[in-house]
Protein backbone atom coordinates (compact mmCIF):
# COMPACT_ATOMS: atom_id res chain seq x y z
CA MET A 1 12.52 78.86 -64.05
CA GLU A 2 15.31 80.98 -62.53
CA ILE A 3 12.98 83.97 -62.11
CA ALA A 4 10.34 81.77 -60.49
CA LEU A 5 12.91 80.34 -58.07
CA ILE A 6 14.15 83.82 -57.14
CA ALA A 7 10.53 84.93 -56.54
CA VAL A 8 9.83 81.93 -54.28
CA VAL A 9 13.03 82.46 -52.30
CA GLY A 10 12.23 86.16 -52.02
CA VAL A 11 8.72 85.59 -50.63
CA VAL A 12 9.97 82.96 -48.16
CA THR A 13 12.74 85.33 -47.04
CA VAL A 14 10.33 88.24 -46.58
CA VAL A 15 7.92 86.13 -44.49
CA ALA A 16 10.71 84.61 -42.39
CA VAL A 17 12.40 87.95 -41.73
CA ALA A 18 9.08 89.64 -40.93
CA ALA A 19 8.24 86.93 -38.37
CA PHE A 20 11.74 87.12 -36.87
CA ALA A 21 11.72 90.94 -36.74
CA LYS A 22 8.34 90.91 -35.01
CA GLN A 23 9.73 88.71 -32.25
CA LEU A 24 12.67 91.12 -31.80
CA GLY A 25 10.50 94.22 -31.93
CA ILE A 26 12.41 95.60 -34.94
CA ALA A 27 10.83 97.01 -38.11
CA ALA A 28 11.07 94.32 -40.80
CA PRO A 29 12.28 96.70 -43.58
CA LEU A 30 15.43 97.46 -41.59
CA VAL A 31 16.30 93.79 -41.19
CA LEU A 32 15.50 93.07 -44.85
CA ILE A 33 17.93 95.75 -46.02
CA VAL A 34 20.69 94.20 -43.94
CA VAL A 35 19.81 90.73 -45.28
CA GLY A 36 19.79 92.06 -48.83
CA VAL A 37 23.14 93.83 -48.43
CA ALA A 38 24.75 90.72 -46.95
CA THR A 39 23.27 88.51 -49.68
CA SER A 40 24.50 90.83 -52.45
CA PHE A 41 28.10 89.81 -51.70
CA LEU A 42 27.41 86.06 -51.71
CA PRO A 43 28.66 84.05 -54.70
CA GLY A 44 26.00 82.68 -57.03
CA LEU A 45 23.83 85.79 -57.18
CA PRO A 46 23.30 86.98 -60.77
CA SER A 47 25.90 89.60 -61.56
CA PRO A 48 25.21 92.36 -62.09
CA PHE A 49 21.99 92.18 -60.01
CA PHE A 50 19.99 95.12 -61.20
CA VAL A 51 16.29 96.03 -61.02
CA PRO A 52 15.33 98.53 -63.74
CA SER A 53 13.78 101.71 -62.40
CA TRP A 54 10.63 101.26 -64.51
CA VAL A 55 9.86 98.00 -62.68
CA ILE A 56 9.69 99.81 -59.34
CA LEU A 57 8.16 103.07 -60.54
CA THR A 58 5.60 101.54 -62.92
CA LEU A 59 4.78 98.05 -61.62
CA VAL A 60 5.43 98.22 -57.87
CA LEU A 61 4.83 101.81 -56.78
CA PRO A 62 1.21 102.25 -58.07
CA PRO A 63 -0.30 99.25 -56.22
CA LEU A 64 1.85 99.98 -53.17
CA LEU A 65 0.59 103.57 -52.92
CA TYR A 66 -2.98 102.56 -53.73
CA SER A 67 -3.02 99.97 -50.93
CA SER A 68 -1.94 102.70 -48.50
CA ALA A 69 -4.26 105.36 -49.91
CA VAL A 70 -7.45 103.29 -49.56
CA GLN A 71 -6.71 102.96 -45.83
CA VAL A 72 -6.32 106.70 -45.28
CA GLN A 73 -9.03 108.24 -43.13
CA LEU A 74 -10.10 111.29 -45.10
CA THR A 75 -11.11 113.15 -41.94
CA ASP A 76 -7.61 112.84 -40.45
CA PHE A 77 -6.02 113.68 -43.81
CA ARG A 78 -8.17 116.81 -44.14
CA ARG A 79 -7.39 117.97 -40.61
CA ASN A 80 -3.66 117.76 -41.30
CA LEU A 81 -3.75 118.86 -44.94
CA GLY A 82 -1.76 122.04 -44.27
CA THR A 83 1.07 120.20 -42.53
CA ILE A 84 1.05 117.39 -45.08
CA SER A 85 1.14 119.85 -47.98
CA ALA A 86 4.02 121.79 -46.47
CA LEU A 87 6.10 118.65 -45.98
CA SER A 88 5.17 116.79 -49.15
CA VAL A 89 5.33 119.71 -51.61
CA PHE A 90 7.19 122.75 -50.31
CA LEU A 91 9.78 120.78 -48.34
CA VAL A 92 10.42 118.57 -51.40
CA ILE A 93 10.97 121.64 -53.59
CA ALA A 94 13.21 123.34 -51.02
CA THR A 95 15.22 120.15 -50.48
CA ALA A 96 15.70 119.59 -54.21
CA PHE A 97 17.01 123.11 -54.82
CA VAL A 98 19.18 123.36 -51.69
CA VAL A 99 20.78 119.96 -52.33
CA GLY A 100 21.05 120.75 -56.04
CA PHE A 101 22.88 124.05 -55.56
CA ALA A 102 25.14 122.47 -52.91
CA LEU A 103 26.15 119.60 -55.23
CA HIS A 104 26.56 121.98 -58.16
CA ALA A 105 28.97 124.05 -56.08
CA VAL A 106 30.93 121.07 -54.74
CA LEU A 107 31.17 118.84 -57.81
CA PRO A 108 32.94 120.47 -60.78
CA GLY A 109 31.37 119.71 -64.13
CA LEU A 110 27.98 118.66 -62.69
CA ASP A 111 25.33 120.74 -64.42
CA LEU A 112 22.67 122.39 -62.27
CA GLY A 113 19.82 120.40 -63.81
CA SER A 114 21.39 117.05 -62.86
CA ALA A 115 22.24 118.38 -59.42
CA ILE A 116 18.64 119.46 -58.78
CA ALA A 117 17.49 116.12 -60.18
CA LEU A 118 19.50 114.32 -57.49
CA GLY A 119 18.06 116.73 -54.93
CA ALA A 120 14.58 115.69 -56.06
CA ILE A 121 15.61 112.03 -55.87
CA VAL A 122 16.71 112.23 -52.21
CA SER A 123 13.83 114.50 -51.12
CA PRO A 124 10.87 112.07 -50.71
CA THR A 125 10.56 110.21 -47.43
CA ASP A 126 9.51 106.58 -47.04
CA ALA A 127 7.24 106.15 -44.02
CA VAL A 128 6.96 102.33 -44.12
CA ALA A 129 9.53 101.72 -41.38
CA ALA A 130 8.60 104.90 -39.50
CA THR A 131 4.86 104.22 -39.35
CA SER A 132 5.32 100.55 -38.42
CA ILE A 133 7.44 101.69 -35.47
CA ALA A 134 5.07 104.56 -34.68
CA LYS A 135 1.98 102.33 -34.56
CA ARG A 136 3.75 99.66 -32.51
CA LEU A 137 4.89 102.22 -29.92
CA GLY A 138 1.55 104.05 -29.86
CA LEU A 139 2.49 107.45 -31.28
CA PRO A 140 -0.25 110.11 -31.42
CA THR A 141 -2.68 109.60 -34.30
CA ARG A 142 -2.00 113.06 -35.72
CA LEU A 143 1.73 112.35 -35.95
CA VAL A 144 1.17 109.02 -37.71
CA THR A 145 -1.30 110.65 -40.13
CA VAL A 146 1.23 113.35 -41.04
CA LEU A 147 3.97 110.77 -41.67
CA GLU A 148 1.68 108.60 -43.82
CA GLY A 149 0.17 111.53 -45.71
CA GLU A 150 3.57 113.05 -46.41
CA SER A 151 4.97 109.79 -47.81
CA LEU A 152 1.91 109.33 -50.04
CA VAL A 153 2.13 112.74 -51.70
CA ASN A 154 5.84 113.55 -51.68
CA ASP A 155 6.68 110.70 -54.06
CA ALA A 156 4.54 112.43 -56.66
CA SER A 157 6.10 115.84 -55.93
CA ALA A 158 9.63 114.47 -56.17
CA LEU A 159 9.05 112.53 -59.39
CA VAL A 160 7.39 115.51 -61.08
CA LEU A 161 10.29 117.73 -60.04
CA LEU A 162 12.77 115.08 -61.21
CA LYS A 163 11.15 114.91 -64.64
CA ALA A 164 11.19 118.70 -64.95
CA ALA A 165 14.83 118.96 -63.85
CA LEU A 166 15.97 116.24 -66.25
CA GLY A 167 14.10 117.92 -69.07
CA ALA A 168 15.98 121.10 -68.33
CA THR A 169 19.47 119.57 -68.31
CA ALA A 170 19.81 119.85 -72.06
CA ALA A 171 18.46 123.41 -72.18
CA SER A 172 18.44 126.44 -69.93
CA LEU A 173 17.07 125.81 -66.44
CA SER A 174 13.98 127.92 -65.79
CA ALA A 175 12.31 128.02 -62.39
CA TRP A 176 9.09 129.29 -64.00
CA ALA A 177 9.09 126.43 -66.50
CA ILE A 178 9.57 123.91 -63.70
CA ALA A 179 6.79 125.56 -61.66
CA GLY A 180 4.46 125.47 -64.66
CA ASP A 181 5.19 121.80 -65.33
CA PHE A 182 4.67 121.03 -61.65
CA LEU A 183 1.31 122.80 -61.49
CA TYR A 184 0.10 121.18 -64.72
CA SER A 185 1.14 117.74 -63.51
CA VAL A 186 -0.62 118.12 -60.15
CA VAL A 187 -3.90 119.48 -61.56
CA ILE A 188 -4.18 116.92 -64.36
CA ALA A 189 -3.20 114.04 -62.08
CA ALA A 190 -5.73 115.03 -59.43
CA GLY A 191 -8.44 115.23 -62.09
CA VAL A 192 -7.56 111.86 -63.60
CA GLY A 193 -7.39 110.22 -60.17
CA LEU A 194 -10.76 111.63 -59.14
CA VAL A 195 -12.42 110.46 -62.36
CA VAL A 196 -10.95 106.97 -62.00
CA GLY A 197 -12.04 106.84 -58.35
CA VAL A 198 -15.61 107.87 -59.19
CA VAL A 199 -15.88 105.36 -62.05
CA ASN A 200 -14.32 102.63 -59.90
CA VAL A 201 -16.84 103.16 -57.09
CA TRP A 202 -19.76 103.37 -59.54
CA VAL A 203 -18.85 100.14 -61.34
CA ARG A 204 -18.05 98.12 -58.25
CA SER A 205 -21.17 99.25 -56.38
CA ARG A 206 -23.26 97.62 -59.09
CA LEU A 207 -21.47 94.28 -59.27
CA LYS A 208 -22.51 92.99 -55.81
CA ASP A 209 -19.89 90.26 -56.09
CA SER A 210 -16.88 90.46 -53.77
CA VAL A 211 -14.66 88.37 -56.07
CA LEU A 212 -15.36 90.56 -59.10
CA GLU A 213 -15.00 93.75 -57.07
CA THR A 214 -11.63 92.70 -55.67
CA ALA A 215 -10.45 91.67 -59.13
CA ILE A 216 -11.28 95.14 -60.47
CA SER A 217 -9.51 96.79 -57.55
CA PHE A 218 -6.25 95.11 -58.62
CA VAL A 219 -6.17 97.08 -61.88
CA VAL A 220 -7.43 100.42 -60.56
CA PRO A 221 -3.91 101.70 -59.67
CA PHE A 222 -2.76 101.14 -63.24
CA VAL A 223 -5.98 102.56 -64.71
CA ALA A 224 -5.19 105.79 -62.84
CA PHE A 225 -1.43 105.69 -63.43
CA ILE A 226 -1.27 105.05 -67.19
CA PRO A 227 -3.51 107.86 -68.54
CA ALA A 228 -2.02 110.42 -66.15
CA GLU A 229 1.50 109.55 -67.29
CA SER A 230 0.36 109.60 -70.93
CA LEU A 231 -0.87 113.17 -70.41
CA GLY A 232 2.50 114.17 -68.97
CA ALA A 233 1.14 114.39 -65.42
CA SER A 234 1.97 112.50 -62.23
CA GLY A 235 0.66 108.95 -62.40
CA VAL A 236 1.64 108.47 -58.75
CA LEU A 237 -0.56 111.36 -57.58
CA ALA A 238 -3.45 110.09 -59.69
CA VAL A 239 -3.16 106.70 -57.97
CA VAL A 240 -3.19 108.35 -54.52
CA VAL A 241 -6.27 110.46 -55.32
CA ALA A 242 -8.12 107.45 -56.73
CA GLY A 243 -7.22 105.39 -53.65
CA ILE A 244 -8.28 108.04 -51.12
CA TYR A 245 -11.61 108.60 -52.89
CA THR A 246 -12.29 104.85 -53.14
CA GLY A 247 -11.44 104.28 -49.49
CA HIS A 248 -13.68 107.13 -48.40
CA ARG A 249 -16.67 105.97 -50.45
CA ALA A 250 -16.25 102.26 -49.65
CA ALA A 251 -18.46 102.38 -46.56
CA HIS A 252 -21.27 103.99 -48.61
CA SER A 253 -21.07 101.97 -51.82
CA PHE A 254 -19.51 98.53 -51.23
CA THR A 255 -20.93 95.51 -49.44
CA ALA A 256 -19.42 94.40 -46.14
CA GLN A 257 -18.17 91.18 -47.71
CA ALA A 258 -16.46 93.11 -50.54
CA ARG A 259 -14.77 95.48 -48.07
CA LEU A 260 -13.47 92.62 -45.92
CA SER A 261 -12.27 90.64 -48.93
CA GLU A 262 -10.52 93.65 -50.44
CA GLN A 263 -8.91 94.56 -47.13
CA ILE A 264 -7.39 91.12 -46.64
CA ASN A 265 -6.16 90.83 -50.22
CA TRP A 266 -4.66 94.30 -50.35
CA ARG A 267 -3.00 93.91 -46.96
CA THR A 268 -1.26 90.81 -48.30
CA ILE A 269 -0.16 92.62 -51.47
CA GLN A 270 1.02 95.60 -49.44
CA PHE A 271 3.02 93.35 -47.11
CA LEU A 272 4.82 91.58 -49.96
CA LEU A 273 5.52 94.73 -51.97
CA GLU A 274 6.59 96.89 -49.03
CA ASN A 275 9.01 94.35 -47.66
CA GLY A 276 10.07 92.92 -51.00
CA VAL A 277 11.31 96.27 -52.30
CA PHE A 278 13.56 96.71 -49.26
CA LEU A 279 15.08 93.29 -49.87
CA LEU A 280 15.68 94.20 -53.53
CA MET A 281 17.15 97.48 -52.40
CA GLY A 282 19.83 95.73 -50.34
CA LEU A 283 20.54 93.15 -53.04
CA GLN A 284 21.68 95.87 -55.47
CA LEU A 285 24.48 97.24 -53.28
CA ASN A 286 27.25 95.08 -54.74
CA THR A 287 26.31 96.06 -58.30
CA ILE A 288 26.05 99.76 -57.42
CA ILE A 289 29.48 99.72 -55.77
CA ALA A 290 30.99 97.89 -58.75
CA GLN A 291 29.61 100.51 -61.14
CA ALA A 292 30.95 103.38 -59.01
CA GLN A 293 34.49 101.98 -58.82
CA GLY A 294 36.83 103.92 -61.05
CA SER A 295 34.28 106.71 -61.54
CA ILE A 296 35.03 110.38 -61.22
CA LEU A 297 34.31 110.33 -57.45
CA GLY A 298 35.08 106.73 -56.61
CA VAL A 299 33.35 104.67 -53.95
CA GLY A 300 34.84 106.50 -50.97
CA GLY A 301 34.03 109.96 -52.31
CA SER A 302 30.46 108.94 -53.16
CA PHE A 303 29.93 107.48 -49.66
CA ALA A 304 31.34 110.66 -48.07
CA ILE A 305 29.03 112.93 -50.06
CA GLY A 306 26.10 110.63 -49.27
CA LEU A 307 26.82 110.89 -45.53
CA ALA A 308 27.11 114.67 -45.78
CA LEU A 309 23.75 114.81 -47.57
CA CYS A 310 22.16 112.79 -44.73
CA VAL A 311 23.18 115.55 -42.32
CA LEU A 312 22.07 118.29 -44.72
CA LEU A 313 18.67 116.63 -45.22
CA LEU A 314 18.13 116.51 -41.45
CA ILE A 315 18.99 120.21 -41.14
CA ILE A 316 16.65 121.21 -43.98
CA ARG A 317 13.84 119.11 -42.54
CA ALA A 318 14.33 120.55 -39.05
CA LEU A 319 14.29 124.12 -40.41
CA PHE A 320 10.98 123.31 -42.13
CA VAL A 321 9.37 121.50 -39.19
CA ILE A 322 10.15 124.23 -36.63
CA PRO A 323 7.77 126.86 -38.12
CA ILE A 324 5.14 124.15 -38.70
CA ILE A 325 5.20 123.20 -35.01
CA TRP A 326 5.19 126.87 -34.03
CA ARG A 327 2.09 127.44 -36.17
CA LEU A 328 0.36 124.35 -34.74
CA ARG A 329 1.09 125.43 -31.17
CA ALA A 330 -0.31 128.90 -31.92
CA SER A 331 -3.45 127.27 -33.32
CA GLN A 332 -3.71 125.07 -30.22
CA LYS A 333 -3.55 128.12 -27.97
CA ARG A 334 -6.40 129.74 -29.89
CA ALA A 335 -8.41 126.50 -30.00
CA PRO A 336 -10.41 126.98 -26.75
CA GLU A 337 -11.59 130.43 -27.83
CA VAL A 338 -12.41 129.25 -31.37
CA GLY A 339 -14.18 126.16 -30.00
CA GLU A 340 -16.31 128.27 -27.70
CA ARG A 341 -17.37 130.54 -30.57
CA LEU A 342 -18.23 127.56 -32.74
CA SER A 343 -20.21 125.95 -29.92
CA ASP A 344 -22.19 129.16 -29.36
CA GLY A 345 -22.80 129.54 -33.09
CA LEU A 346 -23.96 125.96 -33.40
CA GLU A 347 -26.36 126.42 -30.49
CA ARG A 348 -27.80 129.59 -32.07
CA VAL A 349 -28.27 127.80 -35.40
CA ARG A 350 -30.12 124.93 -33.75
CA THR A 351 -32.30 127.33 -31.75
CA GLU A 352 -33.13 129.38 -34.83
CA ARG A 353 -33.97 126.23 -36.73
CA GLU A 354 -36.41 125.12 -34.03
CA LYS A 355 -38.08 128.55 -34.04
CA ARG A 356 -38.39 128.71 -37.82
CA PRO A 357 -38.43 125.21 -39.32
CA PRO A 358 -37.50 125.01 -43.04
CA GLN A 359 -40.53 125.23 -45.33
CA ASP A 360 -39.12 123.27 -48.27
CA GLU A 361 -36.63 120.50 -48.98
CA ARG A 362 -34.03 122.83 -50.51
CA THR A 363 -33.91 125.03 -47.42
CA GLU A 364 -33.74 121.90 -45.25
CA ARG A 365 -30.66 120.72 -47.13
CA ARG A 366 -28.99 124.11 -46.71
CA TRP A 367 -29.64 124.08 -42.96
CA ASN A 368 -28.28 120.54 -42.75
CA ARG A 369 -25.11 121.39 -44.69
CA PHE A 370 -24.44 124.48 -42.57
CA THR A 371 -25.08 122.60 -39.32
CA ARG A 372 -22.81 119.75 -40.42
CA TYR A 373 -20.10 122.25 -41.36
CA LEU A 374 -20.19 123.82 -37.88
CA GLU A 375 -20.21 120.37 -36.23
CA ARG A 376 -17.20 119.34 -38.30
CA ARG A 377 -15.28 122.51 -37.47
CA GLU A 378 -16.07 122.06 -33.77
CA ALA A 379 -14.79 118.46 -33.93
CA ASP A 380 -11.63 119.65 -35.72
CA VAL A 381 -10.89 122.15 -32.96
CA THR A 382 -11.53 119.55 -30.26
CA ASP A 383 -9.21 117.13 -32.02
CA LEU A 384 -6.51 119.80 -32.22
CA GLN A 385 -6.75 120.33 -28.46
CA GLU A 386 -6.82 116.66 -27.52
CA ARG A 387 -4.17 115.40 -30.01
CA PRO A 388 -1.53 118.14 -30.30
CA ILE A 389 1.95 117.82 -31.81
CA GLY A 390 4.41 119.50 -29.46
CA TRP A 391 8.12 120.14 -29.83
CA ARG A 392 8.94 116.56 -28.84
CA GLY A 393 6.58 115.30 -31.51
CA GLY A 394 8.24 117.71 -33.92
CA PHE A 395 11.64 116.17 -33.17
CA VAL A 396 10.20 112.71 -33.91
CA LEU A 397 8.78 114.12 -37.15
CA VAL A 398 12.25 115.32 -38.15
CA TRP A 399 14.00 112.09 -37.18
CA ALA A 400 11.41 109.95 -38.99
CA GLY A 401 12.31 111.53 -42.34
CA MET A 402 13.92 108.39 -43.77
CA ARG A 403 14.44 107.76 -47.47
CA GLY A 404 13.55 104.52 -49.21
CA VAL A 405 13.11 102.57 -52.39
CA VAL A 406 11.73 105.48 -54.48
CA THR A 407 15.01 107.30 -53.96
CA LEU A 408 17.02 104.37 -55.29
CA ALA A 409 14.65 103.57 -58.16
CA ALA A 410 14.45 107.20 -59.28
CA ALA A 411 18.26 107.45 -59.25
CA GLN A 412 18.39 104.76 -61.94
CA SER A 413 16.62 107.18 -64.30
CA LEU A 414 19.52 109.65 -64.29
CA PRO A 415 21.01 110.21 -67.76
CA GLN A 416 24.31 108.63 -68.75
CA THR A 417 27.02 111.11 -67.69
CA ALA A 418 30.38 110.91 -65.93
CA TYR A 419 28.58 111.46 -62.62
CA ARG A 420 25.75 108.91 -63.12
CA SER A 421 27.31 105.95 -61.20
CA PRO A 422 28.52 108.02 -58.21
CA LEU A 423 25.18 109.85 -58.04
CA ILE A 424 23.36 106.51 -57.85
CA LEU A 425 25.70 105.40 -55.05
CA ILE A 426 25.13 108.72 -53.27
CA ALA A 427 21.36 108.18 -53.45
CA PHE A 428 21.75 104.61 -52.21
CA THR A 429 23.92 105.78 -49.31
CA VAL A 430 21.32 108.38 -48.30
CA ALA A 431 18.51 105.81 -48.41
CA VAL A 432 20.31 103.05 -46.51
CA VAL A 433 21.97 105.27 -43.89
CA THR A 434 18.76 107.15 -43.06
CA LEU A 435 16.82 103.89 -42.85
CA LEU A 436 19.33 102.06 -40.66
CA VAL A 437 20.56 104.95 -38.49
CA GLN A 438 17.38 107.01 -38.10
CA GLY A 439 15.05 104.02 -38.37
CA GLY A 440 17.15 101.91 -36.03
CA THR A 441 17.27 104.62 -33.35
CA LEU A 442 13.70 105.91 -33.80
CA PRO A 443 12.23 103.63 -31.08
CA TRP A 444 14.89 104.87 -28.65
CA VAL A 445 14.15 108.50 -29.60
CA ILE A 446 10.41 108.00 -29.08
CA ARG A 447 10.91 106.38 -25.67
CA ARG A 448 13.52 108.92 -24.63
CA LEU A 449 11.25 111.84 -25.47
CA ASP A 450 8.24 110.03 -23.97
CA VAL A 451 6.03 110.78 -26.98
CA THR A 452 2.83 108.79 -26.55
CA GLY A 453 -0.68 108.86 -27.95
CA SER A 454 -3.94 107.53 -26.56
CA ASP A 455 -3.68 104.23 -24.71
CA ALA A 456 -5.73 101.10 -25.30
CA ALA A 457 -8.10 101.90 -22.43
CA ALA A 458 -8.93 105.33 -23.88
CA ASP A 459 -9.57 103.76 -27.27
CA ARG A 460 -11.86 101.19 -25.67
CA ARG A 461 -13.89 103.91 -24.00
CA GLU A 462 -14.11 105.93 -27.19
CA LEU A 463 -15.20 102.85 -29.13
CA ALA A 464 -17.80 102.03 -26.48
CA GLY A 465 -19.19 105.56 -26.76
CA LEU A 466 -19.42 105.27 -30.55
CA LEU A 467 -21.11 101.86 -30.35
CA GLU A 468 -23.59 103.27 -27.85
CA GLU A 469 -24.45 106.10 -30.25
CA MET A 470 -24.86 103.57 -33.07
CA GLY A 471 -26.96 101.32 -30.84
CA LYS A 472 -29.36 104.14 -29.98
CA ALA A 473 -29.83 104.86 -33.67
CA GLY A 474 -30.48 101.17 -34.29
CA LEU A 475 -33.04 100.93 -31.51
CA ALA A 476 -34.79 104.06 -32.78
CA ALA A 477 -35.19 102.34 -36.16
CA ILE A 478 -37.29 99.57 -34.60
CA GLU A 479 -39.15 101.68 -32.06
CA HIS A 480 -42.30 101.11 -34.16
CA PRO A 481 -41.44 97.84 -35.91
CA ASP A 482 -44.82 97.33 -37.57
CA ASP A 483 -44.28 100.55 -39.55
CA VAL A 484 -41.50 98.85 -41.56
CA ALA A 485 -43.30 95.50 -41.96
CA GLU A 486 -44.74 94.45 -45.28
CA ALA A 487 -48.46 94.86 -45.81
CA GLY A 488 -50.48 92.33 -43.81
CA ARG A 489 -47.55 91.27 -41.63
CA THR A 490 -46.56 92.05 -38.05
CA PHE A 491 -43.51 91.32 -35.95
CA ASP A 492 -43.65 89.05 -32.92
CA PRO A 493 -42.91 91.16 -29.80
CA GLU A 494 -40.51 88.48 -28.51
CA VAL A 495 -38.51 88.69 -31.75
CA VAL A 496 -38.40 92.49 -31.52
CA GLU A 497 -37.17 92.27 -27.93
CA ARG A 498 -34.50 89.78 -28.91
CA VAL A 499 -33.23 92.16 -31.61
CA ARG A 500 -33.10 94.96 -29.04
CA GLU A 501 -31.09 92.80 -26.64
CA ASP A 502 -28.68 91.72 -29.37
CA THR A 503 -28.19 95.35 -30.40
CA MET A 504 -27.22 96.47 -26.91
CA LEU A 505 -25.16 93.34 -26.20
CA ARG A 506 -22.26 94.68 -28.27
CA VAL A 507 -22.35 98.02 -26.45
CA GLU A 508 -22.46 96.43 -23.00
CA ALA A 509 -19.61 94.07 -23.89
CA GLN A 510 -17.41 96.96 -25.03
CA TRP A 511 -18.08 98.99 -21.89
CA GLU A 512 -17.21 95.92 -19.84
CA ARG A 513 -13.86 95.58 -21.65
CA ALA A 514 -13.13 99.28 -21.14
CA GLU A 515 -13.85 99.01 -17.40
CA ARG A 516 -11.77 95.85 -17.14
CA GLU A 517 -8.75 97.54 -18.76
CA ALA A 518 -9.20 100.56 -16.49
CA SER A 519 -8.92 98.18 -13.50
CA ASP A 520 -5.73 96.55 -14.91
CA GLY A 521 -7.56 93.53 -16.29
CA VAL A 522 -9.07 92.49 -12.95
CA GLY A 523 -12.50 90.86 -13.07
CA PHE A 524 -14.40 88.25 -14.98
CA GLY A 525 -17.58 89.92 -16.16
CA PRO A 526 -20.63 88.30 -17.76
CA HIS A 527 -19.57 89.08 -21.32
CA GLN A 528 -16.09 87.73 -20.72
CA GLN A 529 -17.69 84.59 -19.33
CA TYR A 530 -19.92 84.40 -22.40
CA GLN A 531 -16.84 84.72 -24.62
CA ALA A 532 -15.06 81.86 -22.86
CA LEU A 533 -18.11 79.57 -23.00
CA ARG A 534 -18.78 80.43 -26.63
CA GLU A 535 -15.20 79.50 -27.56
CA GLN A 536 -15.67 76.11 -25.89
CA VAL A 537 -18.91 75.56 -27.82
CA LEU A 538 -17.28 76.45 -31.14
CA GLU A 539 -14.35 74.13 -30.46
CA ALA A 540 -16.73 71.25 -29.76
CA GLU A 541 -18.77 72.07 -32.88
CA ARG A 542 -15.66 72.04 -35.04
CA SER A 543 -14.67 68.65 -33.62
CA ALA A 544 -18.14 67.35 -34.46
CA LEU A 545 -17.85 68.77 -37.99
CA LEU A 546 -14.47 67.08 -38.56
CA ASP A 547 -15.86 63.82 -37.20
CA ALA A 548 -18.85 64.02 -39.58
CA ARG A 549 -16.52 64.69 -42.49
CA SER A 550 -14.34 61.69 -41.65
CA ARG A 551 -17.45 59.43 -41.50
CA GLY A 552 -18.60 60.66 -44.91
CA SER A 553 -22.23 60.73 -43.80
CA TYR A 554 -22.95 64.20 -45.26
CA SER A 555 -22.48 65.57 -48.75
CA SER A 556 -19.39 67.65 -49.45
CA ARG A 557 -21.39 70.77 -50.35
CA VAL A 558 -23.26 70.65 -47.03
CA LEU A 559 -20.01 70.11 -45.12
CA THR A 560 -18.42 73.06 -46.92
CA HIS A 561 -21.39 75.29 -46.14
CA ALA A 562 -21.30 74.30 -42.45
CA GLN A 563 -17.58 74.98 -42.30
CA LEU A 564 -18.02 78.45 -43.77
CA MET A 565 -20.71 79.22 -41.19
CA LEU A 566 -18.46 78.00 -38.39
CA ASP A 567 -15.46 79.94 -39.74
CA PHE A 568 -17.53 83.12 -39.85
CA GLU A 569 -18.72 82.66 -36.27
CA GLU A 570 -15.20 81.89 -35.02
CA SER A 571 -13.89 84.97 -36.81
CA ARG A 572 -16.55 87.16 -35.15
CA THR A 573 -15.76 85.68 -31.74
CA SER A 574 -12.01 86.15 -32.07
CA GLN A 575 -12.40 89.76 -33.23
CA ARG A 576 -14.31 90.72 -30.10
CA ASP A 577 -11.11 90.73 -28.09
CA ASP A 578 -8.90 92.35 -30.74
CA GLN A 579 -7.18 95.57 -29.90
CA VAL A 580 -8.76 98.71 -31.29
């Protein structure tokens, strides 16, 4: 009963704080940490209040990472793979060793393995607060993708490095042994995750039932996590790979209803887990301080070292980001020349293909793959030119390197030594200070540096262009409607014309919205008028439905079916004016 009560209070607190933080324009995780810290000192809270590390790392982290991974756009991830890899793998390794050697030199009696283990613990970033701020303030898409991609992969890198460092504390520390363990863990985890993703997509594509598909999706993170961990690999990385593959194949293999159902359910789970862990993080402060009192460093010494590490982590991250930005800027300078060569090559390929059409299906597929490769490379170069990350974006990338719940949970796995309690407090200090100081000032930094991405009007125009391309493909499919009719049947020309009009209606409406935003919202076009009238009709229809239900003149199953139809139509109507 006590656990159930705590869970209910926790969910209510998370929802209330999230709603309050939204009104203030503050990232909810930051407020939840403060609420948790304040609550940890209130009388009546179970003492000691302690969440075992396995709860976070085994039960919370897999679904949390999976919910983020399925939303990753593989195209954006691929375009920024070099930057993401540098930050999520090489920066984690460099941070772990630099922090480890620094602590080993400063703290007498702390073995190098434990010191590097703490370095691995404080190395992964948590992008929850950063990306929520970034999306709200309209940061460039490339910058948001790098932050999200880094936080997805660096948890795996840090935990693998932590396991290797802890395994070496009792024996001699070997860099080659750690590198071998790291490589083995990554390769096996990627393989397990890919297999789980393929099987998941195959099974769910054959169910054709959104409820069953969503139910299976709830266990997929653990199906990927458990075997990878059993093989001594990174369960976290396996979950990420499975999630990215599933998200990429969803549009090909799942029904629209299944995708919508899964999206809503997983967004709810992600909201509760993301915000709940920050509340739990703050609630443990009192217990962590109590455990550190009387230790070899004491509370004050642990806080001081934690603050010093915050500065050191910023310096290490800045030294890593500087060459990354330099390399990106060099690539951006070469982009026009590369783009021109790709465009010329693509034109030559298309011309050659028209002169000598493929004679067999195999050759046709080869031509198609090569053409698609050139088109993709050309789009990558264009994206690099239009969405660059300059030095101001690089500064935001450095400042957004906040630590989070993985740092605190991983610290609980440190072995029992004289330094265990102060090391946990050091890790907690790093996580909380970076979240509150860097996260609290990140909006100011972004505004001060004037780092902005595409605006809503540009997104509207881009969406309108995409819908127009889709509409043309749709109209081409019914250019000769009788060719797709069943034997002995024909389509009424009026019906065909109505389908054509409905197809282009969406395109025209989107162009109208784009033009209206370009003119600062002035105007009341035909599609906006249609929207307003349609909303009035739906409101009247719902009133009529409620009146019929109160009279009891229709069966309950018919009333339920009518309500579902009306809900679907209202949902479609409301989404037409949503922001892109």
